[in-house]
Amino acid sequence: LISWLALHRSHVTLGRTQVQKILFICYGLY
């Protein structure tokens, strides 16, 4: 989902590290 959102909303292809850190922030806030 994070990868898809970045691509389709911001036109950015995320690398593994970026996805992992954004996923961690989402996980922690949730």
Full PDB file with SEQRES, HELIX, SHEET, SSBOND, CRYST1, ORIGX, SCALE, CONECT and MASTER records, all heavy atoms in Angstrom:
SEQRES   1 A   30  LEU ILE SER TRP LEU ALA LEU HIS ARG SER HIS VAL THR          
SEQRES   2 A   30  LEU GLY ARG THR GLN VAL GLN LYS ILE LEU PHE ILE CYS          
SEQRES   3 A   30  TYR GLY LEU TYR                                              
HELIX    1 AA1 ILE A    2  SER A   10  1                                   9    
HELIX    2 AA2 ARG A   16  LEU A   29  1                                  14    
CRYST1    1.000    1.000    1.000  90.00  90.00  90.00 P 1           1          
ORIGX1      1.000000  0.000000  0.000000        0.00000                         
ORIGX2      0.000000  1.000000  0.000000        0.00000                         
ORIGX3      0.000000  0.000000  1.000000        0.00000                         
SCALE1      1.000000  0.000000  0.000000        0.00000                         
SCALE2      0.000000  1.000000  0.000000        0.00000                         
SCALE3      0.000000  0.000000  1.000000        0.00000                         
ATOM      1  N   LEU A   1       0.829  -1.206   0.000  1.00  0.00           N  
ATOM      2  CA  LEU A   1       0.000   0.000   0.000  1.00  0.00           C  
ATOM      3  C   LEU A   1       0.866   1.260   0.000  1.00  0.00           C  
ATOM      4  O   LEU A   1       0.635   2.184  -0.782  1.00  0.00           O  
ATOM      5  CB  LEU A   1      -0.935   0.018   1.213  1.00  0.00           C  
ATOM      6  CG  LEU A   1      -1.734   1.309   1.427  1.00  0.00           C  
ATOM      7  CD1 LEU A   1      -2.717   1.553   0.279  1.00  0.00           C  
ATOM      8  CD2 LEU A   1      -2.453   1.265   2.774  1.00  0.00           C  
ATOM      9  N   ILE A   2       1.870   1.304   0.854  1.00  0.00           N  
ATOM     10  CA  ILE A   2       2.751   2.472   0.942  1.00  0.00           C  
ATOM     11  C   ILE A   2       3.448   2.703  -0.391  1.00  0.00           C  
ATOM     12  O   ILE A   2       3.498   3.829  -0.897  1.00  0.00           O  
ATOM     13  CB  ILE A   2       3.763   2.288   2.096  1.00  0.00           C  
ATOM     14  CG1 ILE A   2       3.018   2.384   3.435  1.00  0.00           C  
ATOM     15  CG2 ILE A   2       4.910   3.295   2.004  1.00  0.00           C  
ATOM     16  CD1 ILE A   2       3.816   1.881   4.631  1.00  0.00           C  
ATOM     17  N   SER A   3       3.964   1.643  -0.968  1.00  0.00           N  
ATOM     18  CA  SER A   3       4.637   1.744  -2.259  1.00  0.00           C  
ATOM     19  C   SER A   3       3.668   2.228  -3.340  1.00  0.00           C  
ATOM     20  O   SER A   3       4.002   3.098  -4.146  1.00  0.00           O  
ATOM     21  CB  SER A   3       5.219   0.376  -2.624  1.00  0.00           C  
ATOM     22  OG  SER A   3       5.848   0.422  -3.857  1.00  0.00           O  
ATOM     23  N   TRP A   4       2.475   1.686  -3.358  1.00  0.00           N  
ATOM     24  CA  TRP A   4       1.450   2.063  -4.337  1.00  0.00           C  
ATOM     25  C   TRP A   4       1.056   3.525  -4.170  1.00  0.00           C  
ATOM     26  O   TRP A   4       0.954   4.266  -5.155  1.00  0.00           O  
ATOM     27  CB  TRP A   4       0.236   1.145  -4.174  1.00  0.00           C  
ATOM     28  CG  TRP A   4      -0.819   1.351  -5.201  1.00  0.00           C  
ATOM     29  CD1 TRP A   4      -0.901   0.764  -6.432  1.00  0.00           C  
ATOM     30  CD2 TRP A   4      -1.967   2.206  -5.097  1.00  0.00           C  
ATOM     31  NE1 TRP A   4      -2.025   1.211  -7.099  1.00  0.00           N  
ATOM     32  CE2 TRP A   4      -2.697   2.092  -6.300  1.00  0.00           C  
ATOM     33  CE3 TRP A   4      -2.447   3.055  -4.103  1.00  0.00           C  
ATOM     34  CZ2 TRP A   4      -3.874   2.796  -6.526  1.00  0.00           C  
ATOM     35  CZ3 TRP A   4      -3.621   3.759  -4.331  1.00  0.00           C  
ATOM     36  CH2 TRP A   4      -4.318   3.622  -5.531  1.00  0.00           C  
ATOM     37  N   LEU A   5       0.832   3.954  -2.927  1.00  0.00           N  
ATOM     38  CA  LEU A   5       0.462   5.348  -2.677  1.00  0.00           C  
ATOM     39  C   LEU A   5       1.548   6.306  -3.163  1.00  0.00           C  
ATOM     40  O   LEU A   5       1.247   7.320  -3.792  1.00  0.00           O  
ATOM     41  CB  LEU A   5       0.203   5.575  -1.182  1.00  0.00           C  
ATOM     42  CG  LEU A   5      -1.086   4.991  -0.609  1.00  0.00           C  
ATOM     43  CD1 LEU A   5      -1.050   5.027   0.914  1.00  0.00           C  
ATOM     44  CD2 LEU A   5      -2.314   5.721  -1.143  1.00  0.00           C  
ATOM     45  N   ALA A   6       2.793   5.991  -2.848  1.00  0.00           N  
ATOM     46  CA  ALA A   6       3.901   6.872  -3.265  1.00  0.00           C  
ATOM     47  C   ALA A   6       3.958   6.985  -4.782  1.00  0.00           C  
ATOM     48  O   ALA A   6       4.142   8.074  -5.326  1.00  0.00           O  
ATOM     49  CB  ALA A   6       5.223   6.348  -2.710  1.00  0.00           C  
ATOM     50  N   LEU A   7       3.784   5.867  -5.455  1.00  0.00           N  
ATOM     51  CA  LEU A   7       3.857   5.875  -6.913  1.00  0.00           C  
ATOM     52  C   LEU A   7       2.676   6.616  -7.535  1.00  0.00           C  
ATOM     53  O   LEU A   7       2.849   7.469  -8.396  1.00  0.00           O  
ATOM     54  CB  LEU A   7       3.931   4.449  -7.456  1.00  0.00           C  
ATOM     55  CG  LEU A   7       4.028   4.344  -8.975  1.00  0.00           C  
ATOM     56  CD1 LEU A   7       5.349   4.927  -9.470  1.00  0.00           C  
ATOM     57  CD2 LEU A   7       3.900   2.894  -9.413  1.00  0.00           C  
ATOM     58  N   HIS A   8       1.483   6.307  -7.091  1.00  0.00           N  
ATOM     59  CA  HIS A   8       0.286   6.830  -7.743  1.00  0.00           C  
ATOM     60  C   HIS A   8      -0.127   8.226  -7.275  1.00  0.00           C  
ATOM     61  O   HIS A   8      -0.838   8.921  -8.004  1.00  0.00           O  
ATOM     62  CB  HIS A   8      -0.872   5.844  -7.596  1.00  0.00           C  
ATOM     63  CG  HIS A   8      -0.623   4.587  -8.362  1.00  0.00           C  
ATOM     64  ND1 HIS A   8      -0.827   4.494  -9.719  1.00  0.00           N  
ATOM     65  CD2 HIS A   8      -0.134   3.381  -7.972  1.00  0.00           C  
ATOM     66  CE1 HIS A   8      -0.486   3.280 -10.129  1.00  0.00           C  
ATOM     67  NE2 HIS A   8      -0.066   2.593  -9.088  1.00  0.00           N  
ATOM     68  N   ARG A   9       0.307   8.643  -6.112  1.00  0.00           N  
ATOM     69  CA  ARG A   9      -0.051   9.982  -5.629  1.00  0.00           C  
ATOM     70  C   ARG A   9       1.089  10.984  -5.798  1.00  0.00           C  
ATOM     71  O   ARG A   9       0.855  12.143  -6.068  1.00  0.00           O  
ATOM     72  CB  ARG A   9      -0.489   9.922  -4.164  1.00  0.00           C  
ATOM     73  CG  ARG A   9      -1.837   9.200  -3.992  1.00  0.00           C  
ATOM     74  CD  ARG A   9      -2.202   9.054  -2.528  1.00  0.00           C  
ATOM     75  NE  ARG A   9      -2.279  10.307  -1.831  1.00  0.00           N  
ATOM     76  CZ  ARG A   9      -3.369  11.097  -1.752  1.00  0.00           C  
ATOM     77  NH1 ARG A   9      -4.490  10.724  -2.357  1.00  0.00           N  
ATOM     78  NH2 ARG A   9      -3.344  12.226  -1.061  1.00  0.00           N  
ATOM     79  N   SER A  10       2.338  10.503  -5.602  1.00  0.00           N  
ATOM     80  CA  SER A  10       3.482  11.418  -5.649  1.00  0.00           C  
ATOM     81  C   SER A  10       4.441  11.134  -6.798  1.00  0.00           C  
ATOM     82  O   SER A  10       5.431  11.829  -6.949  1.00  0.00           O  
ATOM     83  CB  SER A  10       4.245  11.346  -4.328  1.00  0.00           C  
ATOM     84  OG  SER A  10       3.397  11.651  -3.250  1.00  0.00           O  
ATOM     85  N   HIS A  11       4.179  10.078  -7.536  1.00  0.00           N  
ATOM     86  CA  HIS A  11       5.032   9.681  -8.672  1.00  0.00           C  
ATOM     87  C   HIS A  11       6.462   9.391  -8.225  1.00  0.00           C  
ATOM     88  O   HIS A  11       7.419   9.787  -8.884  1.00  0.00           O  
ATOM     89  CB  HIS A  11       4.991  10.728  -9.784  1.00  0.00           C  
ATOM     90  CG  HIS A  11       3.585  11.086 -10.177  1.00  0.00           C  
ATOM     91  ND1 HIS A  11       2.775  10.212 -10.867  1.00  0.00           N  
ATOM     92  CD2 HIS A  11       2.847  12.193  -9.934  1.00  0.00           C  
ATOM     93  CE1 HIS A  11       1.594  10.776 -11.046  1.00  0.00           C  
ATOM     94  NE2 HIS A  11       1.613  11.964 -10.486  1.00  0.00           N  
ATOM     95  N   VAL A  12       6.570   8.721  -7.077  1.00  0.00           N  
ATOM     96  CA  VAL A  12       7.857   8.364  -6.498  1.00  0.00           C  
ATOM     97  C   VAL A  12       7.906   6.847  -6.340  1.00  0.00           C  
ATOM     98  O   VAL A  12       6.969   6.241  -5.823  1.00  0.00           O  
ATOM     99  CB  VAL A  12       8.041   9.030  -5.110  1.00  0.00           C  
ATOM    100  CG1 VAL A  12       9.302   8.544  -4.433  1.00  0.00           C  
ATOM    101  CG2 VAL A  12       8.036  10.539  -5.231  1.00  0.00           C  
ATOM    102  N   THR A  13       8.998   6.241  -6.792  1.00  0.00           N  
ATOM    103  CA  THR A  13       9.226   4.822  -6.542  1.00  0.00           C  
ATOM    104  C   THR A  13      10.122   4.712  -5.323  1.00  0.00           C  
ATOM    105  O   THR A  13      11.254   5.205  -5.326  1.00  0.00           O  
ATOM    106  CB  THR A  13       9.907   4.145  -7.756  1.00  0.00           C  
ATOM    107  OG1 THR A  13       9.048   4.302  -8.891  1.00  0.00           O  
ATOM    108  CG2 THR A  13      10.138   2.670  -7.506  1.00  0.00           C  
ATOM    109  N   LEU A  14       9.601   4.107  -4.273  1.00  0.00           N  
ATOM    110  CA  LEU A  14      10.341   3.996  -3.024  1.00  0.00           C  
ATOM    111  C   LEU A  14      11.262   2.784  -3.025  1.00  0.00           C  
ATOM    112  O   LEU A  14      10.916   1.733  -3.558  1.00  0.00           O  
ATOM    113  CB  LEU A  14       9.368   3.863  -1.846  1.00  0.00           C  
ATOM    114  CG  LEU A  14       8.417   5.025  -1.607  1.00  0.00           C  
ATOM    115  CD1 LEU A  14       7.441   4.670  -0.489  1.00  0.00           C  
ATOM    116  CD2 LEU A  14       9.175   6.292  -1.284  1.00  0.00           C  
ATOM    117  N   GLY A  15      12.393   2.941  -2.380  1.00  0.00           N  
ATOM    118  CA  GLY A  15      13.294   1.819  -2.154  1.00  0.00           C  
ATOM    119  C   GLY A  15      12.887   1.076  -0.894  1.00  0.00           C  
ATOM    120  O   GLY A  15      12.034   1.528  -0.124  1.00  0.00           O  
ATOM    121  N   ARG A  16      13.514  -0.057  -0.678  1.00  0.00           N  
ATOM    122  CA  ARG A  16      13.185  -0.883   0.488  1.00  0.00           C  
ATOM    123  C   ARG A  16      13.313  -0.123   1.804  1.00  0.00           C  
ATOM    124  O   ARG A  16      12.464  -0.237   2.679  1.00  0.00           O  
ATOM    125  CB  ARG A  16      14.117  -2.092   0.556  1.00  0.00           C  
ATOM    126  CG  ARG A  16      13.768  -3.196  -0.349  1.00  0.00           C  
ATOM    127  CD  ARG A  16      14.754  -4.319  -0.141  1.00  0.00           C  
ATOM    128  NE  ARG A  16      14.299  -5.496  -0.831  1.00  0.00           N  
ATOM    129  CZ  ARG A  16      15.053  -6.553  -1.044  1.00  0.00           C  
ATOM    130  NH1 ARG A  16      16.301  -6.560  -0.624  1.00  0.00           N  
ATOM    131  NH2 ARG A  16      14.572  -7.589  -1.668  1.00  0.00           N  
ATOM    132  N   THR A  17      14.408   0.606   1.966  1.00  0.00           N  
ATOM    133  CA  THR A  17      14.629   1.312   3.232  1.00  0.00           C  
ATOM    134  C   THR A  17      13.542   2.341   3.473  1.00  0.00           C  
ATOM    135  O   THR A  17      13.022   2.460   4.587  1.00  0.00           O  
ATOM    136  CB  THR A  17      16.020   1.963   3.249  1.00  0.00           C  
ATOM    137  OG1 THR A  17      17.002   0.933   3.088  1.00  0.00           O  
ATOM    138  CG2 THR A  17      16.283   2.713   4.537  1.00  0.00           C  
ATOM    139  N   GLN A  18      13.170   3.078   2.450  1.00  0.00           N  
ATOM    140  CA  GLN A  18      12.106   4.069   2.598  1.00  0.00           C  
ATOM    141  C   GLN A  18      10.792   3.410   2.992  1.00  0.00           C  
ATOM    142  O   GLN A  18      10.103   3.875   3.904  1.00  0.00           O  
ATOM    143  CB  GLN A  18      11.927   4.856   1.301  1.00  0.00           C  
ATOM    144  CG  GLN A  18      13.104   5.753   0.964  1.00  0.00           C  
ATOM    145  CD  GLN A  18      13.042   6.203  -0.478  1.00  0.00           C  
ATOM    146  OE1 GLN A  18      13.132   5.375  -1.388  1.00  0.00           O  
ATOM    147  NE2 GLN A  18      12.877   7.500  -0.687  1.00  0.00           N  
ATOM    148  N   VAL A  19      10.443   2.340   2.322  1.00  0.00           N  
ATOM    149  CA  VAL A  19       9.200   1.633   2.642  1.00  0.00           C  
ATOM    150  C   VAL A  19       9.235   1.142   4.085  1.00  0.00           C  
ATOM    151  O   VAL A  19       8.259   1.296   4.831  1.00  0.00           O  
ATOM    152  CB  VAL A  19       8.951   0.457   1.666  1.00  0.00           C  
ATOM    153  CG1 VAL A  19       7.795  -0.411   2.149  1.00  0.00           C  
ATOM    154  CG2 VAL A  19       8.674   0.973   0.269  1.00  0.00           C  
ATOM    155  N   GLN A  20      10.357   0.586   4.503  1.00  0.00           N  
ATOM    156  CA  GLN A  20      10.451   0.044   5.854  1.00  0.00           C  
ATOM    157  C   GLN A  20      10.303   1.118   6.927  1.00  0.00           C  
ATOM    158  O   GLN A  20       9.632   0.907   7.936  1.00  0.00           O  
ATOM    159  CB  GLN A  20      11.775  -0.709   6.036  1.00  0.00           C  
ATOM    160  CG  GLN A  20      11.834  -2.013   5.279  1.00  0.00           C  
ATOM    161  CD  GLN A  20      10.787  -2.992   5.757  1.00  0.00           C  
ATOM    162  OE1 GLN A  20      10.679  -3.296   6.944  1.00  0.00           O  
ATOM    163  NE2 GLN A  20       9.983  -3.501   4.826  1.00  0.00           N  
ATOM    164  N   LYS A  21      10.888   2.277   6.707  1.00  0.00           N  
ATOM    165  CA  LYS A  21      10.797   3.326   7.719  1.00  0.00           C  
ATOM    166  C   LYS A  21       9.389   3.930   7.750  1.00  0.00           C  
ATOM    167  O   LYS A  21       8.853   4.202   8.831  1.00  0.00           O  
ATOM    168  CB  LYS A  21      11.829   4.432   7.483  1.00  0.00           C  
ATOM    169  CG  LYS A  21      13.276   3.982   7.494  1.00  0.00           C  
ATOM    170  CD  LYS A  21      13.626   3.063   8.646  1.00  0.00           C  
ATOM    171  CE  LYS A  21      14.909   2.314   8.386  1.00  0.00           C  
ATOM    172  NZ  LYS A  21      14.744   0.997   7.783  1.00  0.00           N  
ATOM    173  N   ILE A  22       8.778   4.125   6.602  1.00  0.00           N  
ATOM    174  CA  ILE A  22       7.403   4.640   6.575  1.00  0.00           C  
ATOM    175  C   ILE A  22       6.459   3.608   7.202  1.00  0.00           C  
ATOM    176  O   ILE A  22       5.577   3.952   7.990  1.00  0.00           O  
ATOM    177  CB  ILE A  22       6.968   5.020   5.144  1.00  0.00           C  
ATOM    178  CG1 ILE A  22       7.825   6.189   4.630  1.00  0.00           C  
ATOM    179  CG2 ILE A  22       5.479   5.381   5.101  1.00  0.00           C  
ATOM    180  CD1 ILE A  22       7.665   6.498   3.152  1.00  0.00           C  
ATOM    181  N   LEU A  23       6.684   2.345   6.901  1.00  0.00           N  
ATOM    182  CA  LEU A  23       5.881   1.270   7.503  1.00  0.00           C  
ATOM    183  C   LEU A  23       6.043   1.261   9.018  1.00  0.00           C  
ATOM    184  O   LEU A  23       5.072   1.123   9.757  1.00  0.00           O  
ATOM    185  CB  LEU A  23       6.291  -0.080   6.902  1.00  0.00           C  
ATOM    186  CG  LEU A  23       5.562  -1.319   7.389  1.00  0.00           C  
ATOM    187  CD1 LEU A  23       4.070  -1.231   7.091  1.00  0.00           C  
ATOM    188  CD2 LEU A  23       6.168  -2.570   6.735  1.00  0.00           C  
ATOM    189  N   PHE A  24       7.267   1.463   9.486  1.00  0.00           N  
ATOM    190  CA  PHE A  24       7.513   1.494  10.931  1.00  0.00           C  
ATOM    191  C   PHE A  24       6.786   2.665  11.589  1.00  0.00           C  
ATOM    192  O   PHE A  24       6.198   2.512  12.661  1.00  0.00           O  
ATOM    193  CB  PHE A  24       9.021   1.568  11.218  1.00  0.00           C  
ATOM    194  CG  PHE A  24       9.338   1.657  12.677  1.00  0.00           C  
ATOM    195  CD1 PHE A  24       9.093   0.576  13.513  1.00  0.00           C  
ATOM    196  CD2 PHE A  24       9.856   2.812  13.217  1.00  0.00           C  
ATOM    197  CE1 PHE A  24       9.372   0.659  14.881  1.00  0.00           C  
ATOM    198  CE2 PHE A  24      10.133   2.905  14.572  1.00  0.00           C  
ATOM    199  CZ  PHE A  24       9.889   1.824  15.405  1.00  0.00           C  
ATOM    200  N   ILE A  25       6.803   3.819  10.967  1.00  0.00           N  
ATOM    201  CA  ILE A  25       6.103   4.980  11.523  1.00  0.00           C  
ATOM    202  C   ILE A  25       4.597   4.705  11.577  1.00  0.00           C  
ATOM    203  O   ILE A  25       3.943   4.984  12.586  1.00  0.00           O  
ATOM    204  CB  ILE A  25       6.428   6.247  10.718  1.00  0.00           C  
ATOM    205  CG1 ILE A  25       7.906   6.623  10.901  1.00  0.00           C  
ATOM    206  CG2 ILE A  25       5.522   7.409  11.130  1.00  0.00           C  
ATOM    207  CD1 ILE A  25       8.415   7.673   9.931  1.00  0.00           C  
ATOM    208  N   CYS A  26       4.039   4.154  10.512  1.00  0.00           N  
ATOM    209  CA  CYS A  26       2.609   3.815  10.494  1.00  0.00           C  
ATOM    210  C   CYS A  26       2.286   2.799  11.591  1.00  0.00           C  
ATOM    211  O   CYS A  26       1.283   2.940  12.313  1.00  0.00           O  
ATOM    212  CB  CYS A  26       2.215   3.261   9.127  1.00  0.00           C  
ATOM    213  SG  CYS A  26       2.336   4.452   7.787  1.00  0.00           S  
ATOM    214  N   TYR A  27       3.132   1.804  11.723  1.00  0.00           N  
ATOM    215  CA  TYR A  27       2.969   0.747  12.730  1.00  0.00           C  
ATOM    216  C   TYR A  27       3.004   1.352  14.140  1.00  0.00           C  
ATOM    217  O   TYR A  27       2.156   1.055  14.974  1.00  0.00           O  
ATOM    218  CB  TYR A  27       4.104  -0.258  12.525  1.00  0.00           C  
ATOM    219  CG  TYR A  27       4.166  -1.442  13.438  1.00  0.00           C  
ATOM    220  CD1 TYR A  27       3.501  -2.616  13.125  1.00  0.00           C  
ATOM    221  CD2 TYR A  27       4.964  -1.424  14.580  1.00  0.00           C  
ATOM    222  CE1 TYR A  27       3.619  -3.745  13.941  1.00  0.00           C  
ATOM    223  CE2 TYR A  27       5.082  -2.535  15.396  1.00  0.00           C  
ATOM    224  CZ  TYR A  27       4.404  -3.696  15.076  1.00  0.00           C  
ATOM    225  OH  TYR A  27       4.516  -4.802  15.874  1.00  0.00           O  
ATOM    226  N   GLY A  28       3.987   2.200  14.381  1.00  0.00           N  
ATOM    227  CA  GLY A  28       4.139   2.801  15.699  1.00  0.00           C  
ATOM    228  C   GLY A  28       2.999   3.729  16.063  1.00  0.00           C  
ATOM    229  O   GLY A  28       2.490   3.700  17.193  1.00  0.00           O  
ATOM    230  N   LEU A  29       2.588   4.568  15.125  1.00  0.00           N  
ATOM    231  CA  LEU A  29       1.479   5.484  15.393  1.00  0.00           C  
ATOM    232  C   LEU A  29       0.171   4.737  15.613  1.00  0.00           C  
ATOM    233  O   LEU A  29      -0.623   5.084  16.482  1.00  0.00           O  
ATOM    234  CB  LEU A  29       1.339   6.491  14.254  1.00  0.00           C  
ATOM    235  CG  LEU A  29       2.419   7.563  14.208  1.00  0.00           C  
ATOM    236  CD1 LEU A  29       2.289   8.388  12.933  1.00  0.00           C  
ATOM    237  CD2 LEU A  29       2.349   8.462  15.436  1.00  0.00           C  
ATOM    238  N   TYR A  30      -0.044   3.693  14.834  1.00  0.00           N  
ATOM    239  CA  TYR A  30      -1.250   2.887  14.993  1.00  0.00           C  
ATOM    240  C   TYR A  30      -1.271   2.243  16.380  1.00  0.00           C  
ATOM    241  O   TYR A  30      -2.287   2.261  17.077  1.00  0.00           O  
ATOM    242  CB  TYR A  30      -1.330   1.816  13.904  1.00  0.00           C  
ATOM    243  CG  TYR A  30      -2.592   1.008  13.950  1.00  0.00           C  
ATOM    244  CD1 TYR A  30      -3.732   1.433  13.284  1.00  0.00           C  
ATOM    245  CD2 TYR A  30      -2.661  -0.174  14.675  1.00  0.00           C  
ATOM    246  CE1 TYR A  30      -4.910   0.704  13.331  1.00  0.00           C  
ATOM    247  CE2 TYR A  30      -3.823  -0.918  14.736  1.00  0.00           C  
ATOM    248  CZ  TYR A  30      -4.952  -0.478  14.065  1.00  0.00           C  
ATOM    249  OH  TYR A  30      -6.118  -1.207  14.124  1.00  0.00           O  
TER     250      TYR A  30                                                      
MASTER        0    0    0    2    0    0    0    6  249    1    0    3          
END                                                                             
